[in-house]
Amino acid sequence: MAFVGQIALILIATLLAAAISQRLGMPAVIGQLIAGVILGPGILGILQNTELMHAGAEIGVIILMFIAGIESDLDLLKKYFKPAMSVAAIGVLFPMVIFYIYGQMMGQGFERSIFWGVIFAATSVSISVEVLREFKKLNTKEGATILGAAVVDDIIAVILLSIFVSSFGVGGGSSNLVVATLYQLMYFLGVIVVVKWGAPIILRLAERLPVHGSVAITSLVICLTMAWSADALGLSSVVGAFFAGVAVSQTKFQSEVSSSVSSVGYTFFIPIFFVSIGLDMEFSNVIKNLGFIVIMTILAIATKLFGGALGAWITKMNWHSALIVGSGMVSRGEMALIIAQIGLSANLMAKNLYSEIIIVIVLSTIVAPMLLKKTMKV
């Protein structure tokens, strides 16, 4: 029952931290992330990133991205598909090149240097989505471009991860890469079917069931199934959750589902997700490797900020909008953490620098919403 007490602590801590953040003029998510840092192993050590905590956080990010999909304007996403592709491509290229060069300077060798680039090529848009939602900017050209770019970004990051683990990692097998890619292409064909026909038919059938909340429950089944199948095929679960939300947004049940799922998500699972990010921070070697952490954090922020901004600017966005897009791509979050863990298992990362890289990922994730808010208010 200890976990029940921990959940109670998380909920009250995130509630108070979010209120303080907003009183100070910062996005609520900043307070929730910092609450995780304070309660976690890095400072007070009250909370640990256990299996139950990880499971709650995983459901939280899935629900968060499902809500983002529900509230997204599909026509707007289609309209800004070209800038999204440009933002994703250049936003991946910049960190790949810069981190490879820095890795070589640090004597990491070819494989480990380029894998640093793979880690920091990833984007976790879930936190940016929350800031955009808070400031009612989700359905704008900048919001649509960030969402579209993040989906493409995830796909590129997964493909890069597959290539490098298969080619250079321990126990890799490149013969699986073609098969995995084919399965992923089939998944996206399946997404089109679900968005156009599957979700509307399934939810209309659910409406006929004599059960309270049947449509909302069924929509969550669609969400979790698409998230699980995406993860099983080597994609991020948040990609599946986002497209499940897009599918629901094309039905007459959009408002009903959004209201029901938001109640569940924001009162329970989503706070666990934000706190869990802070739980990965430890400060035992911070002083010793402070210079490394500072340089890596600056590079992590700058490569995505200016890479994403350049990608948006060359597609005719003005520089202010481009900077908003670039800021929205800075957060690394769970995607980078997952890639780092896989890289460590595959011997593509030096063990003595693993904790420092985790700190850099978390720092970039904490800075991202502050940066996004700053660029939106300019």
Protein backbone atom coordinates (compact mmCIF):
# COMPACT_ATOMS: atom_id res chain seq x y z
CA MET A 1 0.00 0.00 0.00
CA ALA A 2 3.05 2.27 0.10
CA PHE A 3 2.41 3.18 -3.52
CA VAL A 4 -1.02 4.59 -2.59
CA GLY A 5 0.64 7.03 -0.19
CA GLN A 6 3.16 7.99 -2.87
CA ILE A 7 0.34 8.75 -5.32
CA ALA A 8 -1.35 10.95 -2.71
CA LEU A 9 1.97 12.79 -2.21
CA ILE A 10 2.45 13.23 -5.97
CA LEU A 11 -1.06 14.64 -6.44
CA ILE A 12 -0.83 17.19 -3.62
CA ALA A 13 2.76 18.15 -4.53
CA THR A 14 1.96 18.69 -8.22
CA LEU A 15 -1.23 20.61 -7.35
CA LEU A 16 0.66 23.03 -5.09
CA ALA A 17 3.70 23.24 -7.39
CA ALA A 18 1.50 23.99 -10.42
CA ALA A 19 -0.33 26.71 -8.48
CA ILE A 20 2.97 28.30 -7.39
CA SER A 21 4.33 28.15 -10.96
CA GLN A 22 1.29 29.88 -12.37
CA ARG A 23 1.40 32.49 -9.59
CA LEU A 24 5.00 33.20 -10.64
CA GLY A 25 3.94 33.51 -14.29
CA MET A 26 5.43 30.17 -15.40
CA PRO A 27 3.66 27.20 -17.06
CA ALA A 28 2.13 24.80 -14.52
CA VAL A 29 4.18 21.91 -15.90
CA ILE A 30 7.43 23.55 -14.67
CA GLY A 31 6.28 23.21 -11.07
CA GLN A 32 5.27 19.59 -11.62
CA LEU A 33 8.66 18.72 -13.12
CA ILE A 34 10.53 20.45 -10.28
CA ALA A 35 8.32 18.64 -7.73
CA GLY A 36 9.64 15.37 -9.19
CA VAL A 37 13.23 16.58 -8.86
CA ILE A 38 12.73 17.62 -5.20
CA LEU A 39 10.86 14.46 -4.17
CA GLY A 40 13.15 12.14 -6.14
CA PRO A 41 16.55 10.54 -5.43
CA GLY A 42 18.36 13.75 -6.39
CA ILE A 43 17.23 15.72 -3.29
CA LEU A 44 14.79 14.28 -0.71
CA GLY A 45 14.73 10.67 -1.93
CA ILE A 46 11.08 10.17 -0.95
CA LEU A 47 10.04 8.81 -4.37
CA GLN A 48 11.78 6.24 -6.58
CA ASN A 49 11.18 5.41 -10.23
CA THR A 50 9.67 1.98 -9.53
CA GLU A 51 7.87 -0.30 -11.98
CA LEU A 52 4.50 0.98 -10.75
CA MET A 53 5.66 4.58 -11.10
CA HIS A 54 6.93 3.86 -14.61
CA ALA A 55 3.63 2.21 -15.57
CA GLY A 56 1.61 5.16 -14.24
CA ALA A 57 3.85 7.61 -16.09
CA GLU A 58 3.54 5.63 -19.33
CA ILE A 59 -0.26 5.74 -19.12
CA GLY A 60 -0.03 9.44 -18.28
CA VAL A 61 1.96 10.38 -21.38
CA ILE A 62 -0.30 8.19 -23.55
CA ILE A 63 -3.42 9.96 -22.24
CA LEU A 64 -1.75 13.37 -22.62
CA MET A 65 -0.96 12.73 -26.29
CA PHE A 66 -4.40 11.18 -26.85
CA ILE A 67 -5.99 14.42 -25.57
CA ALA A 68 -3.64 16.43 -27.85
CA GLY A 69 -4.82 14.35 -30.81
CA ILE A 70 -8.50 14.82 -29.88
CA GLU A 71 -8.03 18.60 -29.66
CA SER A 72 -5.99 18.86 -32.88
CA ASP A 73 -7.39 20.20 -36.11
CA LEU A 74 -6.66 17.58 -38.79
CA ASP A 75 -7.06 20.10 -41.62
CA LEU A 76 -4.52 22.35 -39.88
CA LEU A 77 -2.10 19.42 -39.50
CA LYS A 78 -2.43 18.66 -43.21
CA LYS A 79 -1.97 22.31 -44.12
CA TYR A 80 1.32 22.56 -42.21
CA PHE A 81 2.65 19.13 -43.18
CA LYS A 82 5.43 20.62 -45.34
CA PRO A 83 6.89 22.87 -42.62
CA ALA A 84 6.54 19.99 -40.15
CA MET A 85 8.68 17.77 -42.40
CA SER A 86 11.26 20.54 -42.78
CA VAL A 87 11.38 21.20 -39.01
CA ALA A 88 11.77 17.49 -38.25
CA ALA A 89 14.51 16.92 -40.85
CA ILE A 90 16.70 19.90 -39.94
CA GLY A 91 15.90 19.45 -36.26
CA VAL A 92 17.39 15.95 -36.47
CA LEU A 93 20.34 16.92 -38.68
CA PHE A 94 21.65 19.68 -36.37
CA PRO A 95 22.04 17.54 -33.21
CA MET A 96 23.36 14.57 -35.20
CA VAL A 97 26.20 16.67 -36.63
CA ILE A 98 26.97 18.84 -33.58
CA PHE A 99 26.92 16.01 -31.03
CA TYR A 100 29.03 13.81 -33.29
CA ILE A 101 31.67 16.56 -33.47
CA TYR A 102 31.58 17.10 -29.70
CA GLY A 103 31.73 13.36 -29.06
CA GLN A 104 34.83 13.11 -31.22
CA MET A 105 36.39 15.99 -29.29
CA MET A 106 35.64 14.07 -26.06
CA GLY A 107 37.32 10.92 -27.44
CA GLN A 108 34.12 8.84 -27.61
CA GLY A 109 34.88 7.11 -30.93
CA PHE A 110 32.66 6.94 -34.03
CA GLU A 111 29.79 4.77 -32.73
CA ARG A 112 29.37 6.46 -29.35
CA SER A 113 29.78 9.97 -30.76
CA ILE A 114 27.13 9.50 -33.38
CA PHE A 115 24.84 7.80 -30.86
CA TRP A 116 24.89 10.98 -28.77
CA GLY A 117 23.39 12.60 -31.85
CA VAL A 118 20.70 9.90 -32.03
CA ILE A 119 19.75 10.50 -28.38
CA PHE A 120 19.43 14.26 -28.79
CA ALA A 121 17.75 14.03 -32.20
CA ALA A 122 14.62 12.78 -30.39
CA THR A 123 11.85 15.14 -29.32
CA SER A 124 9.24 14.68 -26.60
CA VAL A 125 6.41 16.97 -27.59
CA SER A 126 4.15 15.98 -24.70
CA ILE A 127 5.38 18.80 -22.43
CA SER A 128 5.28 21.36 -25.25
CA VAL A 129 1.71 20.23 -25.96
CA GLU A 130 0.75 20.98 -22.37
CA VAL A 131 2.22 24.51 -22.60
CA LEU A 132 0.54 25.14 -25.98
CA ARG A 133 -2.73 23.88 -24.52
CA GLU A 134 -2.38 26.10 -21.44
CA PHE A 135 -1.83 29.17 -23.63
CA LYS A 136 -4.52 28.12 -26.15
CA LYS A 137 -1.97 27.83 -28.97
CA LEU A 138 -2.49 24.16 -29.85
CA ASN A 139 -4.58 24.86 -32.95
CA THR A 140 -2.37 27.52 -34.51
CA LYS A 141 0.13 27.23 -37.36
CA GLU A 142 2.93 26.96 -34.79
CA GLY A 143 1.09 24.34 -32.72
CA ALA A 144 0.18 22.25 -35.78
CA THR A 145 3.76 22.41 -37.08
CA ILE A 146 5.18 21.34 -33.69
CA LEU A 147 2.75 18.40 -33.46
CA GLY A 148 3.39 17.27 -37.03
CA ALA A 149 7.16 17.67 -36.71
CA ALA A 150 7.21 15.72 -33.44
CA VAL A 151 5.47 12.73 -35.06
CA VAL A 152 7.95 12.77 -37.97
CA ASP A 153 10.79 13.31 -35.49
CA ASP A 154 9.78 10.21 -33.54
CA ILE A 155 9.75 8.12 -36.71
CA ILE A 156 13.20 9.38 -37.77
CA ALA A 157 14.59 8.78 -34.27
CA VAL A 158 13.22 5.23 -34.17
CA ILE A 159 14.67 4.44 -37.61
CA LEU A 160 18.08 5.85 -36.57
CA LEU A 161 17.95 3.87 -33.33
CA SER A 162 17.14 0.67 -35.22
CA ILE A 163 19.98 1.24 -37.69
CA PHE A 164 22.62 1.97 -35.04
CA VAL A 165 21.64 -0.79 -32.61
CA SER A 166 21.46 -3.26 -35.52
CA SER A 167 24.77 -2.14 -37.04
CA PHE A 168 26.93 -1.33 -34.01
CA GLY A 169 25.15 -2.54 -30.88
CA VAL A 170 25.68 -5.71 -28.88
CA GLY A 171 23.58 -8.52 -30.32
CA GLY A 172 22.27 -6.42 -33.23
CA GLY A 173 21.06 -7.96 -36.47
CA SER A 174 20.60 -5.73 -39.51
CA SER A 175 18.41 -8.31 -41.26
CA ASN A 176 15.59 -7.33 -38.89
CA LEU A 177 15.67 -3.67 -39.97
CA VAL A 178 13.89 -4.12 -43.31
CA VAL A 179 11.20 -6.27 -41.72
CA ALA A 180 10.67 -3.76 -38.89
CA THR A 181 10.41 -0.88 -41.38
CA LEU A 182 7.81 -2.77 -43.43
CA TYR A 183 5.75 -3.45 -40.30
CA GLN A 184 5.92 0.24 -39.38
CA LEU A 185 4.73 1.25 -42.84
CA MET A 186 1.83 -1.18 -42.48
CA TYR A 187 1.05 0.41 -39.11
CA PHE A 188 0.65 3.85 -40.69
CA LEU A 189 -1.62 2.40 -43.36
CA GLY A 190 -3.67 0.96 -40.51
CA VAL A 191 -3.77 4.41 -38.88
CA ILE A 192 -5.39 5.84 -42.02
CA VAL A 193 -8.05 3.11 -41.91
CA VAL A 194 -8.77 3.78 -38.21
CA VAL A 195 -8.99 7.56 -38.70
CA LYS A 196 -11.27 7.39 -41.76
CA TRP A 197 -13.50 4.42 -40.98
CA GLY A 198 -12.57 2.37 -37.91
CA ALA A 199 -13.04 4.83 -35.03
CA PRO A 200 -16.36 6.33 -36.28
CA ILE A 201 -17.92 2.87 -36.73
CA ILE A 202 -16.63 1.50 -33.40
CA LEU A 203 -17.77 4.55 -31.41
CA ARG A 204 -21.22 4.53 -33.01
CA LEU A 205 -21.58 0.90 -31.93
CA ALA A 206 -20.35 1.77 -28.42
CA GLU A 207 -23.01 4.50 -28.19
CA ARG A 208 -25.71 1.84 -28.41
CA LEU A 209 -24.45 -0.03 -25.33
CA PRO A 210 -26.61 0.54 -22.22
CA VAL A 211 -23.55 1.45 -20.13
CA HIS A 212 -22.64 4.85 -18.70
CA GLY A 213 -19.46 6.17 -20.33
CA SER A 214 -19.37 3.45 -23.00
CA VAL A 215 -18.09 5.84 -25.70
CA ALA A 216 -15.29 7.22 -23.49
CA ILE A 217 -14.27 3.71 -22.39
CA THR A 218 -14.21 2.50 -26.00
CA SER A 219 -12.16 5.51 -27.07
CA LEU A 220 -9.59 4.64 -24.39
CA VAL A 221 -9.50 1.07 -25.70
CA ILE A 222 -8.72 2.44 -29.18
CA CYS A 223 -6.05 4.73 -27.68
CA LEU A 224 -4.32 2.03 -25.63
CA THR A 225 -4.49 -0.50 -28.46
CA MET A 226 -2.91 1.89 -30.95
CA ALA A 227 -0.27 2.94 -28.40
CA TRP A 228 0.55 -0.69 -27.57
CA SER A 229 0.75 -1.74 -31.23
CA ALA A 230 3.01 1.24 -32.06
CA ASP A 231 5.33 0.29 -29.22
CA ALA A 232 5.33 -3.37 -30.27
CA LEU A 233 6.48 -2.36 -33.77
CA GLY A 234 9.36 -0.25 -32.47
CA LEU A 235 7.60 3.14 -32.69
CA SER A 236 6.89 5.38 -29.71
CA SER A 237 3.63 4.63 -27.93
CA VAL A 238 2.83 8.37 -27.98
CA VAL A 239 2.65 8.26 -31.80
CA GLY A 240 -0.13 5.69 -31.60
CA ALA A 241 -1.92 7.60 -28.84
CA PHE A 242 -1.77 10.85 -30.80
CA PHE A 243 -3.27 9.28 -33.95
CA ALA A 244 -5.95 7.58 -31.85
CA GLY A 245 -6.90 11.06 -30.63
CA VAL A 246 -6.93 12.38 -34.20
CA ALA A 247 -9.26 9.50 -35.14
CA VAL A 248 -11.68 10.39 -32.31
CA SER A 249 -11.51 14.08 -33.28
CA GLN A 250 -13.11 13.20 -36.63
CA THR A 251 -16.26 11.86 -34.95
CA LYS A 252 -19.26 13.54 -33.33
CA PHE A 253 -18.03 12.25 -29.95
CA GLN A 254 -14.98 14.55 -29.84
CA SER A 255 -16.25 16.86 -27.07
CA GLU A 256 -17.68 14.06 -24.91
CA VAL A 257 -14.50 11.97 -25.07
CA SER A 258 -12.21 14.95 -24.49
CA SER A 259 -14.10 15.94 -21.35
CA SER A 260 -14.19 12.41 -19.91
CA VAL A 261 -10.58 11.50 -20.68
CA SER A 262 -9.22 14.87 -19.53
CA SER A 263 -10.87 14.31 -16.13
CA VAL A 264 -9.12 10.96 -15.73
CA GLY A 265 -5.79 12.15 -17.14
CA TYR A 266 -5.31 15.49 -15.40
CA THR A 267 -6.51 14.35 -11.99
CA PHE A 268 -4.38 11.20 -11.81
CA PHE A 269 -2.07 9.86 -14.52
CA ILE A 270 -0.62 13.01 -16.12
CA PRO A 271 0.80 14.40 -12.83
CA ILE A 272 2.58 11.05 -12.33
CA PHE A 273 4.16 11.39 -15.78
CA PHE A 274 5.51 14.88 -15.11
CA VAL A 275 6.89 13.91 -11.69
CA SER A 276 8.52 10.75 -13.08
CA ILE A 277 10.77 12.83 -15.36
CA GLY A 278 12.29 14.57 -12.36
CA LEU A 279 12.91 11.21 -10.67
CA ASP A 280 15.69 10.43 -13.15
CA MET A 281 17.90 13.20 -11.80
CA GLU A 282 20.81 12.36 -9.50
CA PHE A 283 23.48 14.80 -8.44
CA SER A 284 26.29 12.56 -7.13
CA ASN A 285 28.76 13.44 -9.93
CA VAL A 286 27.41 16.85 -10.89
CA ILE A 287 30.35 18.87 -9.50
CA LYS A 288 32.93 16.55 -11.03
CA ASN A 289 31.35 16.67 -14.50
CA LEU A 290 29.70 20.08 -14.28
CA GLY A 291 31.47 21.45 -17.37
CA PHE A 292 30.39 18.47 -19.46
CA ILE A 293 26.77 18.80 -18.29
CA VAL A 294 26.66 22.55 -18.99
CA ILE A 295 28.11 22.18 -22.52
CA MET A 296 25.84 19.24 -23.36
CA THR A 297 22.76 21.09 -22.07
CA ILE A 298 23.59 24.20 -24.12
CA LEU A 299 24.09 22.04 -27.23
CA ALA A 300 20.87 20.10 -26.54
CA ILE A 301 18.84 23.32 -26.35
CA ALA A 302 20.59 25.18 -29.18
CA THR A 303 20.56 22.38 -31.77
CA LYS A 304 16.80 21.83 -31.52
CA LEU A 305 15.90 25.49 -31.04
CA PHE A 306 17.81 26.74 -34.09
CA GLY A 307 17.46 23.55 -36.14
CA GLY A 308 13.68 23.58 -35.72
CA ALA A 309 13.48 27.34 -36.23
CA LEU A 310 15.53 27.15 -39.44
CA GLY A 311 13.32 24.33 -40.71
CA ALA A 312 10.23 26.48 -40.13
CA TRP A 313 11.80 29.69 -41.47
CA ILE A 314 12.79 28.19 -44.84
CA THR A 315 9.13 27.24 -45.39
CA LYS A 316 8.18 30.96 -45.25
CA MET A 317 7.29 31.30 -41.58
CA ASN A 318 8.35 34.59 -40.01
CA TRP A 319 11.26 34.37 -37.57
CA HIS A 320 9.07 34.82 -34.46
CA SER A 321 6.83 31.89 -35.43
CA ALA A 322 9.91 29.87 -36.37
CA LEU A 323 11.41 30.43 -32.91
CA ILE A 324 8.15 29.29 -31.28
CA VAL A 325 8.34 26.09 -33.33
CA GLY A 326 12.02 25.61 -32.48
CA SER A 327 11.28 26.12 -28.77
CA GLY A 328 8.51 23.54 -28.97
CA MET A 329 11.00 20.95 -30.25
CA VAL A 330 13.60 21.41 -27.47
CA SER A 331 12.10 19.00 -24.91
CA ARG A 332 13.67 15.52 -25.02
CA GLY A 333 11.68 13.80 -22.26
CA GLU A 334 10.79 10.14 -22.38
CA MET A 335 11.91 9.54 -25.99
CA ALA A 336 15.53 10.48 -25.27
CA LEU A 337 15.47 8.59 -21.95
CA ILE A 338 14.29 5.42 -23.71
CA ILE A 339 16.91 5.77 -26.46
CA ALA A 340 19.66 6.36 -23.86
CA GLN A 341 18.63 3.23 -21.92
CA ILE A 342 18.62 1.12 -25.10
CA GLY A 343 22.00 2.56 -26.11
CA LEU A 344 23.49 1.68 -22.70
CA SER A 345 22.23 -1.92 -23.02
CA ALA A 346 23.69 -2.14 -26.54
CA ASN A 347 27.08 -0.76 -25.37
CA LEU A 348 26.66 2.37 -27.51
CA MET A 349 27.13 4.65 -24.50
CA ALA A 350 29.92 4.97 -21.94
CA LYS A 351 28.55 3.83 -18.56
CA ASN A 352 30.52 6.49 -16.68
CA LEU A 353 28.65 9.25 -18.57
CA TYR A 354 25.15 7.74 -18.50
CA SER A 355 23.91 9.63 -15.40
CA GLU A 356 25.26 12.92 -16.78
CA ILE A 357 23.44 12.42 -20.08
CA ILE A 358 20.22 11.64 -18.16
CA ILE A 359 20.67 14.94 -16.26
CA VAL A 360 21.13 16.79 -19.58
CA ILE A 361 17.94 15.20 -20.97
CA VAL A 362 15.97 16.20 -17.87
CA LEU A 363 17.43 19.73 -17.82
CA SER A 364 16.52 20.30 -21.47
CA THR A 365 13.03 19.01 -20.68
CA ILE A 366 12.64 21.45 -17.77
CA VAL A 367 14.01 24.41 -19.76
CA ALA A 368 11.83 23.71 -22.82
CA PRO A 369 8.45 24.93 -21.47
CA MET A 370 10.04 28.09 -20.05
CA LEU A 371 11.67 28.78 -23.42
CA LEU A 372 8.41 28.10 -25.28
CA LYS A 373 6.49 30.47 -23.03
CA LYS A 374 9.16 33.15 -23.45
CA THR A 375 9.08 32.98 -27.26
CA MET A 376 5.26 33.01 -27.34
CA LYS A 377 5.14 36.17 -25.21
CA VAL A 378 7.73 38.15 -27.22
